[in-house]
């Protein structure tokens, strides 16, 4: 009977120990006596809609903006709520887009339903530092998804072309005193052989030539040219034109015209070009020159050394200002130009 009593005592102690451990575990998880888990919740206001989310959902992705906001930034009091204790997300992200983004934090995948713009979703992912790729986005509209993936890939690709090829060509023009740059992109196997005595009469000698079949294929698509133009604008460049034009490669034949004049016919190939400027208004000059000349048609102005006037007088008229040709094209007609005021006595 003693051994039986000891076995009962040990079983009771083990049950009590298990209960104590479960109770301690429940306290660590935030459990109450009723066994309910109480996790912290934060309220985000997005486009007028309220989302109650566990901040641990965001901190599980520390490389995203929301992961940093509710991680170290919140711990150091950098992320602060409004007067109602809510966190307001920036404008520009709709509630439907944010609902899709929450799926990424909860499941690792964003499932874009019908009616939600894939373009707006990509812009929101860019802002929130969320990876937008085929592994993180699932969409029924494959055309829209692939279009955005192409734009993203084209931007990254042109960033490399810009630093490796385009910027050195622009620097070469700038060091030569130019204010704009015209770049022609040829394929690697293109051969340019001009006649030194009869070069093409179109000013191609002032173009910068880039031999790159990869950049040539890149500019084959209009969408890629739009991506490149957007990136160049973001970098502060102006008057940007990107397209396809004919470029002379080699002399085909020479025609003799009456009078002994020769006409050279060149072979032209269609190749991409980039034209841009780094000045606010290229080719415009607002400088006005004034020239003082002695006038023989105005008798009432005394000439120094002549007449008995008391003091020297200026011996000439003030002509109208010389206007730059570009100013003349962009300004009022010559008859509408303001008249120059005469000297006050």
C-alpha atoms as a PDB file:
ATOM      1  CA  UNK A   1       0.000   0.000   0.000  1.00  0.00           C
ATOM      2  CA  UNK A   2       2.914   2.354   0.646  1.00  0.00           C
ATOM      3  CA  UNK A   3       4.279   1.835  -2.839  1.00  0.00           C
ATOM      4  CA  UNK A   4       0.831   2.402  -4.246  1.00  0.00           C
ATOM      5  CA  UNK A   5       0.501   5.661  -2.352  1.00  0.00           C
ATOM      6  CA  UNK A   6       3.927   6.837  -3.595  1.00  0.00           C
ATOM      7  CA  UNK A   7       2.974   6.108  -7.204  1.00  0.00           C
ATOM      8  CA  UNK A   8      -0.207   8.163  -6.822  1.00  0.00           C
ATOM      9  CA  UNK A   9       1.758  11.014  -5.265  1.00  0.00           C
ATOM     10  CA  UNK A  10       4.319  11.093  -8.089  1.00  0.00           C
ATOM     11  CA  UNK A  11       1.564  11.047 -10.726  1.00  0.00           C
ATOM     12  CA  UNK A  12      -0.154  13.998  -9.029  1.00  0.00           C
ATOM     13  CA  UNK A  13       3.111  15.925  -8.884  1.00  0.00           C
ATOM     14  CA  UNK A  14       3.773  15.304 -12.555  1.00  0.00           C
ATOM     15  CA  UNK A  15       0.290  16.556 -13.473  1.00  0.00           C
ATOM     16  CA  UNK A  16       0.794  19.679 -11.378  1.00  0.00           C
ATOM     17  CA  UNK A  17       4.184  20.257 -13.032  1.00  0.00           C
ATOM     18  CA  UNK A  18       2.657  19.946 -16.476  1.00  0.00           C
ATOM     19  CA  UNK A  19      -0.069  22.434 -15.540  1.00  0.00           C
ATOM     20  CA  UNK A  20       2.502  24.888 -14.188  1.00  0.00           C
ATOM     21  CA  UNK A  21       4.534  24.653 -17.396  1.00  0.00           C
ATOM     22  CA  UNK A  22       1.471  25.177 -19.551  1.00  0.00           C
ATOM     23  CA  UNK A  23       0.465  28.156 -17.452  1.00  0.00           C
ATOM     24  CA  UNK A  24       3.911  29.720 -17.793  1.00  0.00           C
ATOM     25  CA  UNK A  25       3.879  29.085 -21.522  1.00  0.00           C
ATOM     26  CA  UNK A  26       0.473  30.729 -21.782  1.00  0.00           C
ATOM     27  CA  UNK A  27       1.695  33.810 -19.929  1.00  0.00           C
ATOM     28  CA  UNK A  28       4.640  34.153 -22.313  1.00  0.00           C
ATOM     29  CA  UNK A  29       2.279  34.031 -25.295  1.00  0.00           C
ATOM     30  CA  UNK A  30      -0.073  36.559 -23.699  1.00  0.00           C
ATOM     31  CA  UNK A  31      -2.731  34.032 -22.685  1.00  0.00           C
ATOM     32  CA  UNK A  32      -5.342  34.756 -20.042  1.00  0.00           C
ATOM     33  CA  UNK A  33      -6.862  32.320 -17.593  1.00  0.00           C
ATOM     34  CA  UNK A  34      -9.458  31.455 -20.234  1.00  0.00           C
ATOM     35  CA  UNK A  35      -6.707  30.374 -22.621  1.00  0.00           C
ATOM     36  CA  UNK A  36      -7.279  33.172 -25.185  1.00  0.00           C
ATOM     37  CA  UNK A  37      -4.198  34.636 -26.936  1.00  0.00           C
ATOM     38  CA  UNK A  38      -4.028  38.441 -26.849  1.00  0.00           C
ATOM     39  CA  UNK A  39      -1.611  39.672 -29.537  1.00  0.00           C
ATOM     40  CA  UNK A  40      -0.768  43.326 -30.100  1.00  0.00           C
ATOM     41  CA  UNK A  41      -2.657  45.025 -32.877  1.00  0.00           C
ATOM     42  CA  UNK A  42      -1.888  48.237 -34.743  1.00  0.00           C
ATOM     43  CA  UNK A  43      -4.378  50.116 -36.896  1.00  0.00           C
ATOM     44  CA  UNK A  44      -3.308  51.417 -40.302  1.00  0.00           C
ATOM     45  CA  UNK A  45      -5.380  53.980 -42.178  1.00  0.00           C
ATOM     46  CA  UNK A  46      -5.089  53.544 -45.937  1.00  0.00           C
ATOM     47  CA  UNK A  47      -7.240  55.582 -48.313  1.00  0.00           C
ATOM     48  CA  UNK A  48      -9.834  56.075 -45.577  1.00  0.00           C
ATOM     49  CA  UNK A  49     -10.020  52.357 -44.707  1.00  0.00           C
ATOM     50  CA  UNK A  50      -8.796  50.886 -41.403  1.00  0.00           C
ATOM     51  CA  UNK A  51      -6.701  47.730 -41.184  1.00  0.00           C
ATOM     52  CA  UNK A  52      -5.947  46.089 -37.803  1.00  0.00           C
ATOM     53  CA  UNK A  53      -2.719  44.108 -38.197  1.00  0.00           C
ATOM     54  CA  UNK A  54      -0.319  42.318 -35.888  1.00  0.00           C
ATOM     55  CA  UNK A  55       3.006  44.234 -36.194  1.00  0.00           C
ATOM     56  CA  UNK A  56       4.834  40.899 -36.113  1.00  0.00           C
ATOM     57  CA  UNK A  57       3.345  40.304 -39.568  1.00  0.00           C
ATOM     58  CA  UNK A  58       5.413  43.232 -40.865  1.00  0.00           C
ATOM     59  CA  UNK A  59       8.574  42.642 -38.849  1.00  0.00           C
ATOM     60  CA  UNK A  60       8.777  39.135 -40.343  1.00  0.00           C
ATOM     61  CA  UNK A  61       9.874  40.962 -43.534  1.00  0.00           C
ATOM     62  CA  UNK A  62      12.501  43.397 -42.182  1.00  0.00           C
ATOM     63  CA  UNK A  63      13.739  44.480 -45.627  1.00  0.00           C
ATOM     64  CA  UNK A  64      10.408  46.110 -46.503  1.00  0.00           C
ATOM     65  CA  UNK A  65       9.375  49.618 -45.494  1.00  0.00           C
ATOM     66  CA  UNK A  66       6.573  48.430 -43.185  1.00  0.00           C
ATOM     67  CA  UNK A  67       8.955  45.919 -41.621  1.00  0.00           C
ATOM     68  CA  UNK A  68      11.330  48.743 -40.736  1.00  0.00           C
ATOM     69  CA  UNK A  69       8.511  51.047 -39.606  1.00  0.00           C
ATOM     70  CA  UNK A  70       7.176  48.601 -37.028  1.00  0.00           C
ATOM     71  CA  UNK A  71      10.550  47.141 -36.139  1.00  0.00           C
ATOM     72  CA  UNK A  72      13.577  49.219 -35.142  1.00  0.00           C
ATOM     73  CA  UNK A  73      11.965  52.536 -36.160  1.00  0.00           C
ATOM     74  CA  UNK A  74       9.017  51.965 -33.816  1.00  0.00           C
ATOM     75  CA  UNK A  75      11.251  50.759 -31.007  1.00  0.00           C
ATOM     76  CA  UNK A  76      13.274  53.976 -31.256  1.00  0.00           C
ATOM     77  CA  UNK A  77      10.092  56.084 -31.461  1.00  0.00           C
ATOM     78  CA  UNK A  78      10.698  57.091 -35.097  1.00  0.00           C
ATOM     79  CA  UNK A  79       7.302  55.713 -36.157  1.00  0.00           C
ATOM     80  CA  UNK A  80       4.573  57.532 -34.275  1.00  0.00           C
ATOM     81  CA  UNK A  81       0.775  57.189 -34.444  1.00  0.00           C
ATOM     82  CA  UNK A  82      -1.664  60.056 -34.821  1.00  0.00           C
ATOM     83  CA  UNK A  83      -3.853  61.399 -32.034  1.00  0.00           C
ATOM     84  CA  UNK A  84      -6.167  58.385 -32.290  1.00  0.00           C
ATOM     85  CA  UNK A  85      -3.329  55.894 -32.003  1.00  0.00           C
ATOM     86  CA  UNK A  86      -3.562  55.009 -35.696  1.00  0.00           C
ATOM     87  CA  UNK A  87      -0.785  54.892 -38.294  1.00  0.00           C
ATOM     88  CA  UNK A  88      -1.597  56.713 -41.516  1.00  0.00           C
ATOM     89  CA  UNK A  89      -0.054  55.382 -44.698  1.00  0.00           C
ATOM     90  CA  UNK A  90       0.913  57.844 -47.395  1.00  0.00           C
ATOM     91  CA  UNK A  91      -1.587  58.877 -50.042  1.00  0.00           C
ATOM     92  CA  UNK A  92      -1.431  57.266 -53.450  1.00  0.00           C
ATOM     93  CA  UNK A  93      -2.095  53.670 -52.351  1.00  0.00           C
ATOM     94  CA  UNK A  94      -5.716  52.537 -52.545  1.00  0.00           C
ATOM     95  CA  UNK A  95      -7.357  50.261 -50.006  1.00  0.00           C
ATOM     96  CA  UNK A  96      -7.807  47.487 -52.585  1.00  0.00           C
ATOM     97  CA  UNK A  97      -4.100  47.595 -53.447  1.00  0.00           C
ATOM     98  CA  UNK A  98      -3.116  47.494 -49.783  1.00  0.00           C
ATOM     99  CA  UNK A  99      -5.366  44.488 -49.213  1.00  0.00           C
ATOM    100  CA  UNK A 100      -3.398  42.640 -51.902  1.00  0.00           C
ATOM    101  CA  UNK A 101      -0.117  43.742 -50.292  1.00  0.00           C
ATOM    102  CA  UNK A 102      -1.271  42.358 -46.937  1.00  0.00           C
ATOM    103  CA  UNK A 103      -1.502  38.960 -48.611  1.00  0.00           C
ATOM    104  CA  UNK A 104       2.233  39.153 -49.221  1.00  0.00           C
ATOM    105  CA  UNK A 105       2.952  39.718 -45.530  1.00  0.00           C
ATOM    106  CA  UNK A 106       0.624  36.890 -44.533  1.00  0.00           C
ATOM    107  CA  UNK A 107       1.385  34.278 -47.195  1.00  0.00           C
ATOM    108  CA  UNK A 108       4.392  35.570 -49.125  1.00  0.00           C
ATOM    109  CA  UNK A 109       2.378  35.881 -52.355  1.00  0.00           C
ATOM    110  CA  UNK A 110       0.264  38.740 -53.734  1.00  0.00           C
ATOM    111  CA  UNK A 111      -2.779  37.477 -55.643  1.00  0.00           C
ATOM    112  CA  UNK A 112      -4.031  40.300 -57.816  1.00  0.00           C
ATOM    113  CA  UNK A 113      -7.795  39.919 -58.417  1.00  0.00           C
ATOM    114  CA  UNK A 114      -9.682  41.153 -61.452  1.00  0.00           C
ATOM    115  CA  UNK A 115     -10.275  44.887 -61.365  1.00  0.00           C
ATOM    116  CA  UNK A 116      -7.036  45.702 -59.536  1.00  0.00           C
ATOM    117  CA  UNK A 117      -4.457  47.532 -61.653  1.00  0.00           C
ATOM    118  CA  UNK A 118      -1.195  45.615 -61.930  1.00  0.00           C
ATOM    119  CA  UNK A 119       0.598  48.872 -62.731  1.00  0.00           C
ATOM    120  CA  UNK A 120      -0.647  50.473 -59.500  1.00  0.00           C
ATOM    121  CA  UNK A 121       0.335  47.350 -57.578  1.00  0.00           C
ATOM    122  CA  UNK A 122       3.875  47.546 -58.957  1.00  0.00           C
ATOM    123  CA  UNK A 123       4.149  51.242 -58.024  1.00  0.00           C
ATOM    124  CA  UNK A 124       2.979  50.442 -54.489  1.00  0.00           C
ATOM    125  CA  UNK A 125       5.525  47.616 -54.248  1.00  0.00           C
ATOM    126  CA  UNK A 126       8.268  49.991 -55.370  1.00  0.00           C
ATOM    127  CA  UNK A 127       7.267  52.482 -52.677  1.00  0.00           C
ATOM    128  CA  UNK A 128       6.976  49.854 -49.927  1.00  0.00           C
ATOM    129  CA  UNK A 129      10.241  48.123 -50.973  1.00  0.00           C
ATOM    130  CA  UNK A 130       8.494  44.838 -51.765  1.00  0.00           C
ATOM    131  CA  UNK A 131       9.945  42.577 -54.413  1.00  0.00           C
ATOM    132  CA  UNK A 132       7.717  42.581 -57.490  1.00  0.00           C
ATOM    133  CA  UNK A 133       8.447  39.373 -59.412  1.00  0.00           C
ATOM    134  CA  UNK A 134       6.787  36.340 -60.884  1.00  0.00           C
ATOM    135  CA  UNK A 135       7.358  34.457 -57.622  1.00  0.00           C
ATOM    136  CA  UNK A 136       5.626  37.084 -55.443  1.00  0.00           C
ATOM    137  CA  UNK A 137       2.779  38.164 -57.766  1.00  0.00           C
ATOM    138  CA  UNK A 138       0.082  35.901 -59.154  1.00  0.00           C
ATOM    139  CA  UNK A 139      -2.308  37.471 -61.623  1.00  0.00           C
ATOM    140  CA  UNK A 140      -5.015  36.196 -63.934  1.00  0.00           C
ATOM    141  CA  UNK A 141      -4.179  38.895 -66.498  1.00  0.00           C
ATOM    142  CA  UNK A 142      -0.806  37.558 -67.668  1.00  0.00           C
ATOM    143  CA  UNK A 143      -0.475  40.289 -70.298  1.00  0.00           C
ATOM    144  CA  UNK A 144      -0.529  43.053 -67.679  1.00  0.00           C
ATOM    145  CA  UNK A 145       1.812  41.136 -65.374  1.00  0.00           C
ATOM    146  CA  UNK A 146       4.369  40.428 -68.100  1.00  0.00           C
ATOM    147  CA  UNK A 147       4.169  44.049 -69.270  1.00  0.00           C
ATOM    148  CA  UNK A 148       5.153  45.297 -65.817  1.00  0.00           C
ATOM    149  CA  UNK A 149       7.889  42.689 -65.504  1.00  0.00           C
ATOM    150  CA  UNK A 150       9.239  43.818 -68.892  1.00  0.00           C
ATOM    151  CA  UNK A 151       9.224  47.462 -67.791  1.00  0.00           C
ATOM    152  CA  UNK A 152      11.060  46.555 -64.605  1.00  0.00           C
ATOM    153  CA  UNK A 153      13.644  44.522 -66.501  1.00  0.00           C
ATOM    154  CA  UNK A 154      14.055  47.195 -69.173  1.00  0.00           C
ATOM    155  CA  UNK A 155      14.703  49.866 -66.551  1.00  0.00           C
ATOM    156  CA  UNK A 156      17.423  47.824 -64.879  1.00  0.00           C
ATOM    157  CA  UNK A 157      18.982  46.997 -68.243  1.00  0.00           C
ATOM    158  CA  UNK A 158      19.017  50.609 -69.461  1.00  0.00           C
ATOM    159  CA  UNK A 159      20.578  51.770 -66.197  1.00  0.00           C
ATOM    160  CA  UNK A 160      23.584  49.645 -67.158  1.00  0.00           C
ATOM    161  CA  UNK A 161      23.597  50.959 -70.750  1.00  0.00           C
ATOM    162  CA  UNK A 162      23.374  54.524 -69.455  1.00  0.00           C
ATOM    163  CA  UNK A 163      26.445  54.302 -67.227  1.00  0.00           C
ATOM    164  CA  UNK A 164      28.511  52.162 -69.582  1.00  0.00           C
ATOM    165  CA  UNK A 165      27.749  53.694 -72.990  1.00  0.00           C
ATOM    166  CA  UNK A 166      25.536  56.796 -72.999  1.00  0.00           C
ATOM    167  CA  UNK A 167      27.139  58.862 -70.228  1.00  0.00           C
ATOM    168  CA  UNK A 168      30.685  58.642 -71.735  1.00  0.00           C
ATOM    169  CA  UNK A 169      29.281  59.873 -75.069  1.00  0.00           C
ATOM    170  CA  UNK A 170      27.570  62.828 -73.364  1.00  0.00           C
ATOM    171  CA  UNK A 171      30.742  63.660 -71.430  1.00  0.00           C
ATOM    172  CA  UNK A 172      32.700  63.696 -74.713  1.00  0.00           C
ATOM    173  CA  UNK A 173      30.239  66.211 -76.187  1.00  0.00           C
ATOM    174  CA  UNK A 174      30.288  68.380 -73.063  1.00  0.00           C
ATOM    175  CA  UNK A 175      34.090  68.484 -73.007  1.00  0.00           C
ATOM    176  CA  UNK A 176      33.972  69.723 -76.593  1.00  0.00           C
ATOM    177  CA  UNK A 177      31.795  72.673 -75.561  1.00  0.00           C
ATOM    178  CA  UNK A 178      28.533  71.234 -76.843  1.00  0.00           C
ATOM    179  CA  UNK A 179      25.238  71.740 -75.033  1.00  0.00           C
ATOM    180  CA  UNK A 180      23.429  68.792 -76.541  1.00  0.00           C
ATOM    181  CA  UNK A 181      24.254  65.342 -77.808  1.00  0.00           C
ATOM    182  CA  UNK A 182      23.078  63.245 -80.739  1.00  0.00           C
ATOM    183  CA  UNK A 183      23.889  59.550 -80.392  1.00  0.00           C
ATOM    184  CA  UNK A 184      23.404  56.917 -83.081  1.00  0.00           C
ATOM    185  CA  UNK A 185      23.357  53.251 -82.042  1.00  0.00           C
ATOM    186  CA  UNK A 186      24.809  50.847 -84.605  1.00  0.00           C
ATOM    187  CA  UNK A 187      25.053  47.073 -84.508  1.00  0.00           C
ATOM    188  CA  UNK A 188      28.395  45.454 -83.788  1.00  0.00           C
ATOM    189  CA  UNK A 189      28.735  44.240 -87.381  1.00  0.00           C
ATOM    190  CA  UNK A 190      27.787  47.562 -89.038  1.00  0.00           C
ATOM    191  CA  UNK A 191      30.566  49.032 -91.193  1.00  0.00           C
ATOM    192  CA  UNK A 192      30.799  52.783 -91.802  1.00  0.00           C
ATOM    193  CA  UNK A 193      32.981  53.746 -94.787  1.00  0.00           C
ATOM    194  CA  UNK A 194      32.513  57.306 -95.972  1.00  0.00           C
ATOM    195  CA  UNK A 195      34.182  58.986 -98.921  1.00  0.00           C
ATOM    196  CA  UNK A 196      36.538  61.599 -97.493  1.00  0.00           C
ATOM    197  CA  UNK A 197      36.023  63.885-100.481  1.00  0.00           C
ATOM    198  CA  UNK A 198      32.250  63.469-100.532  1.00  0.00           C
ATOM    199  CA  UNK A 199      30.930  62.836 -97.006  1.00  0.00           C
ATOM    200  CA  UNK A 200      27.177  62.596 -96.383  1.00  0.00           C
ATOM    201  CA  UNK A 201      25.689  66.123 -96.567  1.00  0.00           C
ATOM    202  CA  UNK A 202      23.573  65.821 -93.419  1.00  0.00           C
ATOM    203  CA  UNK A 203      25.905  66.591 -90.521  1.00  0.00           C
ATOM    204  CA  UNK A 204      26.308  62.999 -89.347  1.00  0.00           C
ATOM    205  CA  UNK A 205      29.943  63.745 -88.602  1.00  0.00           C
ATOM    206  CA  UNK A 206      28.770  65.527 -85.450  1.00  0.00           C
ATOM    207  CA  UNK A 207      26.930  62.453 -84.109  1.00  0.00           C
ATOM    208  CA  UNK A 208      28.327  60.192 -81.430  1.00  0.00           C
ATOM    209  CA  UNK A 209      28.433  56.595 -82.622  1.00  0.00           C
ATOM    210  CA  UNK A 210      27.874  53.660 -80.284  1.00  0.00           C
ATOM    211  CA  UNK A 211      28.515  50.121 -81.521  1.00  0.00           C
ATOM    212  CA  UNK A 212      26.299  47.878 -79.413  1.00  0.00           C
ATOM    213  CA  UNK A 213      24.005  45.191 -80.776  1.00  0.00           C
ATOM    214  CA  UNK A 214      22.473  44.780 -77.304  1.00  0.00           C
ATOM    215  CA  UNK A 215      21.455  48.448 -77.102  1.00  0.00           C
ATOM    216  CA  UNK A 216      20.297  48.289 -80.732  1.00  0.00           C
ATOM    217  CA  UNK A 217      17.950  45.384 -79.906  1.00  0.00           C
ATOM    218  CA  UNK A 218      16.845  47.130 -76.704  1.00  0.00           C
ATOM    219  CA  UNK A 219      15.585  50.178 -78.640  1.00  0.00           C
ATOM    220  CA  UNK A 220      13.708  47.969 -81.102  1.00  0.00           C
ATOM    221  CA  UNK A 221      10.645  48.151 -78.826  1.00  0.00           C
ATOM    222  CA  UNK A 222       8.698  51.373 -78.382  1.00  0.00           C
ATOM    223  CA  UNK A 223       7.985  50.441 -74.746  1.00  0.00           C
ATOM    224  CA  UNK A 224      11.710  50.201 -74.014  1.00  0.00           C
ATOM    225  CA  UNK A 225      12.267  53.615 -75.584  1.00  0.00           C
ATOM    226  CA  UNK A 226       9.559  55.032 -73.289  1.00  0.00           C
ATOM    227  CA  UNK A 227      11.251  53.462 -70.244  1.00  0.00           C
ATOM    228  CA  UNK A 228      14.608  54.930 -71.303  1.00  0.00           C
ATOM    229  CA  UNK A 229      13.095  58.376 -71.840  1.00  0.00           C
ATOM    230  CA  UNK A 230      11.495  58.316 -68.382  1.00  0.00           C
ATOM    231  CA  UNK A 231      14.798  57.360 -66.772  1.00  0.00           C
ATOM    232  CA  UNK A 232      16.683  60.105 -68.622  1.00  0.00           C
ATOM    233  CA  UNK A 233      14.117  62.667 -67.439  1.00  0.00           C
ATOM    234  CA  UNK A 234      14.582  61.474 -63.862  1.00  0.00           C
ATOM    235  CA  UNK A 235      18.309  62.084 -64.266  1.00  0.00           C
ATOM    236  CA  UNK A 236      17.669  65.758 -65.121  1.00  0.00           C
ATOM    237  CA  UNK A 237      18.166  65.673 -68.905  1.00  0.00           C
ATOM    238  CA  UNK A 238      15.962  67.706 -71.238  1.00  0.00           C
ATOM    239  CA  UNK A 239      14.704  67.899 -74.831  1.00  0.00           C
ATOM    240  CA  UNK A 240      14.892  64.102 -75.073  1.00  0.00           C
ATOM    241  CA  UNK A 241      14.082  62.392 -78.357  1.00  0.00           C
ATOM    242  CA  UNK A 242      14.506  58.652 -78.912  1.00  0.00           C
ATOM    243  CA  UNK A 243      13.544  57.036 -82.189  1.00  0.00           C
ATOM    244  CA  UNK A 244      14.699  55.352 -85.388  1.00  0.00           C
ATOM    245  CA  UNK A 245      16.387  57.186 -88.251  1.00  0.00           C
ATOM    246  CA  UNK A 246      18.348  56.435 -91.386  1.00  0.00           C
ATOM    247  CA  UNK A 247      22.140  56.498 -91.062  1.00  0.00           C
ATOM    248  CA  UNK A 248      24.600  56.414 -94.019  1.00  0.00           C
ATOM    249  CA  UNK A 249      27.067  53.540 -93.869  1.00  0.00           C
ATOM    250  CA  UNK A 250      28.970  53.344 -97.156  1.00  0.00           C
ATOM    251  CA  UNK A 251      29.072  54.854-100.649  1.00  0.00           C
ATOM    252  CA  UNK A 252      27.023  53.018-103.235  1.00  0.00           C
ATOM    253  CA  UNK A 253      27.765  55.017-106.369  1.00  0.00           C
ATOM    254  CA  UNK A 254      28.724  58.429-107.722  1.00  0.00           C
ATOM    255  CA  UNK A 255      26.590  60.298-110.235  1.00  0.00           C
ATOM    256  CA  UNK A 256      27.992  62.973-112.486  1.00  0.00           C
ATOM    257  CA  UNK A 257      25.798  66.015-112.838  1.00  0.00           C
ATOM    258  CA  UNK A 258      25.895  68.605-115.622  1.00  0.00           C
ATOM    259  CA  UNK A 259      28.665  71.076-114.999  1.00  0.00           C
ATOM    260  CA  UNK A 260      31.047  68.470-113.597  1.00  0.00           C
ATOM    261  CA  UNK A 261      29.431  68.305-110.168  1.00  0.00           C
ATOM    262  CA  UNK A 262      29.465  64.879-108.521  1.00  0.00           C
ATOM    263  CA  UNK A 263      26.637  63.451-106.441  1.00  0.00           C
ATOM    264  CA  UNK A 264      27.428  60.611-104.036  1.00  0.00           C
ATOM    265  CA  UNK A 265      24.674  58.158-103.126  1.00  0.00           C
ATOM    266  CA  UNK A 266      25.054  56.392 -99.784  1.00  0.00           C
ATOM    267  CA  UNK A 267      23.500  53.239 -98.408  1.00  0.00           C
ATOM    268  CA  UNK A 268      21.268  54.019 -95.395  1.00  0.00           C
ATOM    269  CA  UNK A 269      20.290  51.682 -92.573  1.00  0.00           C
ATOM    270  CA  UNK A 270      17.563  52.264 -89.995  1.00  0.00           C
ATOM    271  CA  UNK A 271      19.183  52.584 -86.561  1.00  0.00           C
ATOM    272  CA  UNK A 272      18.089  53.971 -83.155  1.00  0.00           C
ATOM    273  CA  UNK A 273      19.158  57.427 -82.055  1.00  0.00           C
ATOM    274  CA  UNK A 274      19.127  59.432 -78.823  1.00  0.00           C
ATOM    275  CA  UNK A 275      19.041  63.212 -78.850  1.00  0.00           C
ATOM    276  CA  UNK A 276      19.106  65.142 -75.601  1.00  0.00           C
ATOM    277  CA  UNK A 277      20.353  68.280 -73.892  1.00  0.00           C
ATOM    278  CA  UNK A 278      21.459  69.214 -70.397  1.00  0.00           C
ATOM    279  CA  UNK A 279      20.511  72.888 -70.699  1.00  0.00           C
ATOM    280  CA  UNK A 280      17.143  74.414 -69.818  1.00  0.00           C
ATOM    281  CA  UNK A 281      16.618  76.058 -73.213  1.00  0.00           C
ATOM    282  CA  UNK A 282      19.023  74.793 -75.803  1.00  0.00           C
ATOM    283  CA  UNK A 283      20.261  77.208 -78.430  1.00  0.00           C
ATOM    284  CA  UNK A 284      18.550  80.275 -76.961  1.00  0.00           C
ATOM    285  CA  UNK A 285      20.427  83.398 -76.042  1.00  0.00           C
ATOM    286  CA  UNK A 286      18.817  86.305 -74.213  1.00  0.00           C
ATOM    287  CA  UNK A 287      21.879  88.515 -74.611  1.00  0.00           C
ATOM    288  CA  UNK A 288      21.244  91.866 -76.326  1.00  0.00           C
ATOM    289  CA  UNK A 289      24.135  93.821 -77.801  1.00  0.00           C
ATOM    290  CA  UNK A 290      24.103  97.631 -78.007  1.00  0.00           C
ATOM    291  CA  UNK A 291      26.348  99.423 -80.453  1.00  0.00           C
ATOM    292  CA  UNK A 292      27.187 103.136 -80.193  1.00  0.00           C
ATOM    293  CA  UNK A 293      27.929 104.813 -83.549  1.00  0.00           C
ATOM    294  CA  UNK A 294      28.295 108.425 -84.589  1.00  0.00           C
ATOM    295  CA  UNK A 295      25.231 109.673 -86.393  1.00  0.00           C
ATOM    296  CA  UNK A 296      25.293 112.193 -89.221  1.00  0.00           C
ATOM    297  CA  UNK A 297      21.508 112.392 -89.530  1.00  0.00           C
ATOM    298  CA  UNK A 298      20.699 113.953 -86.148  1.00  0.00           C
ATOM    299  CA  UNK A 299      21.831 117.604 -86.206  1.00  0.00           C
ATOM    300  CA  UNK A 300      20.589 118.511 -82.732  1.00  0.00           C
ATOM    301  CA  UNK A 301      23.230 116.355 -81.029  1.00  0.00           C
ATOM    302  CA  UNK A 302      26.473 118.251 -80.575  1.00  0.00           C
ATOM    303  CA  UNK A 303      29.731 116.562 -81.493  1.00  0.00           C
ATOM    304  CA  UNK A 304      32.623 116.881 -79.039  1.00  0.00           C
ATOM    305  CA  UNK A 305      34.863 119.719 -80.089  1.00  0.00           C
ATOM    306  CA  UNK A 306      32.216 121.305 -82.296  1.00  0.00           C
ATOM    307  CA  UNK A 307      29.921 124.203 -81.432  1.00  0.00           C
ATOM    308  CA  UNK A 308      29.961 126.330 -78.310  1.00  0.00           C
ATOM    309  CA  UNK A 309      28.059 124.046 -76.030  1.00  0.00           C
ATOM    310  CA  UNK A 310      28.953 124.092 -72.397  1.00  0.00           C
ATOM    311  CA  UNK A 311      30.364 120.592 -71.950  1.00  0.00           C
ATOM    312  CA  UNK A 312      30.845 117.532 -74.026  1.00  0.00           C
ATOM    313  CA  UNK A 313      27.812 115.825 -75.510  1.00  0.00           C
ATOM    314  CA  UNK A 314      27.455 112.297 -76.695  1.00  0.00           C
ATOM    315  CA  UNK A 315      27.954 112.212 -80.463  1.00  0.00           C
ATOM    316  CA  UNK A 316      25.703 109.469 -81.686  1.00  0.00           C
ATOM    317  CA  UNK A 317      22.310 107.831 -81.559  1.00  0.00           C
ATOM    318  CA  UNK A 318      21.280 104.787 -79.628  1.00  0.00           C
ATOM    319  CA  UNK A 319      20.210 102.277 -82.266  1.00  0.00           C
ATOM    320  CA  UNK A 320      17.701  99.554 -81.741  1.00  0.00           C
ATOM    321  CA  UNK A 321      19.121  96.468 -80.037  1.00  0.00           C
ATOM    322  CA  UNK A 322      20.524  93.657 -82.123  1.00  0.00           C
ATOM    323  CA  UNK A 323      18.230  90.723 -81.568  1.00  0.00           C
ATOM    324  CA  UNK A 324      19.354  87.113 -81.711  1.00  0.00           C
ATOM    325  CA  UNK A 325      17.782  85.203 -84.599  1.00  0.00           C
ATOM    326  CA  UNK A 326      16.165  82.653 -82.276  1.00  0.00           C
ATOM    327  CA  UNK A 327      14.766  85.492 -80.176  1.00  0.00           C
ATOM    328  CA  UNK A 328      13.387  87.032 -83.330  1.00  0.00           C
ATOM    329  CA  UNK A 329      11.586  83.805 -84.166  1.00  0.00           C
ATOM    330  CA  UNK A 330      10.163  83.407 -80.672  1.00  0.00           C
ATOM    331  CA  UNK A 331       9.517  87.057 -79.875  1.00  0.00           C
ATOM    332  CA  UNK A 332       7.235  89.802 -81.244  1.00  0.00           C
ATOM    333  CA  UNK A 333       7.515  91.150 -84.702  1.00  0.00           C
ATOM    334  CA  UNK A 334      10.201  93.832 -85.261  1.00  0.00           C
ATOM    335  CA  UNK A 335       7.559  96.517 -85.564  1.00  0.00           C
ATOM    336  CA  UNK A 336       6.268  95.563 -82.113  1.00  0.00           C
ATOM    337  CA  UNK A 337       9.619  95.787 -80.358  1.00  0.00           C
ATOM    338  CA  UNK A 338       9.721  98.527 -77.714  1.00  0.00           C
ATOM    339  CA  UNK A 339      11.407 101.738 -78.788  1.00  0.00           C
ATOM    340  CA  UNK A 340      14.677 102.654 -77.077  1.00  0.00           C
ATOM    341  CA  UNK A 341      14.310 105.615 -74.737  1.00  0.00           C
ATOM    342  CA  UNK A 342      16.374 108.723 -75.397  1.00  0.00           C
ATOM    343  CA  UNK A 343      18.897 110.068 -72.905  1.00  0.00           C
ATOM    344  CA  UNK A 344      17.484 112.264 -70.196  1.00  0.00           C
ATOM    345  CA  UNK A 345      18.946 115.705 -69.782  1.00  0.00           C
END
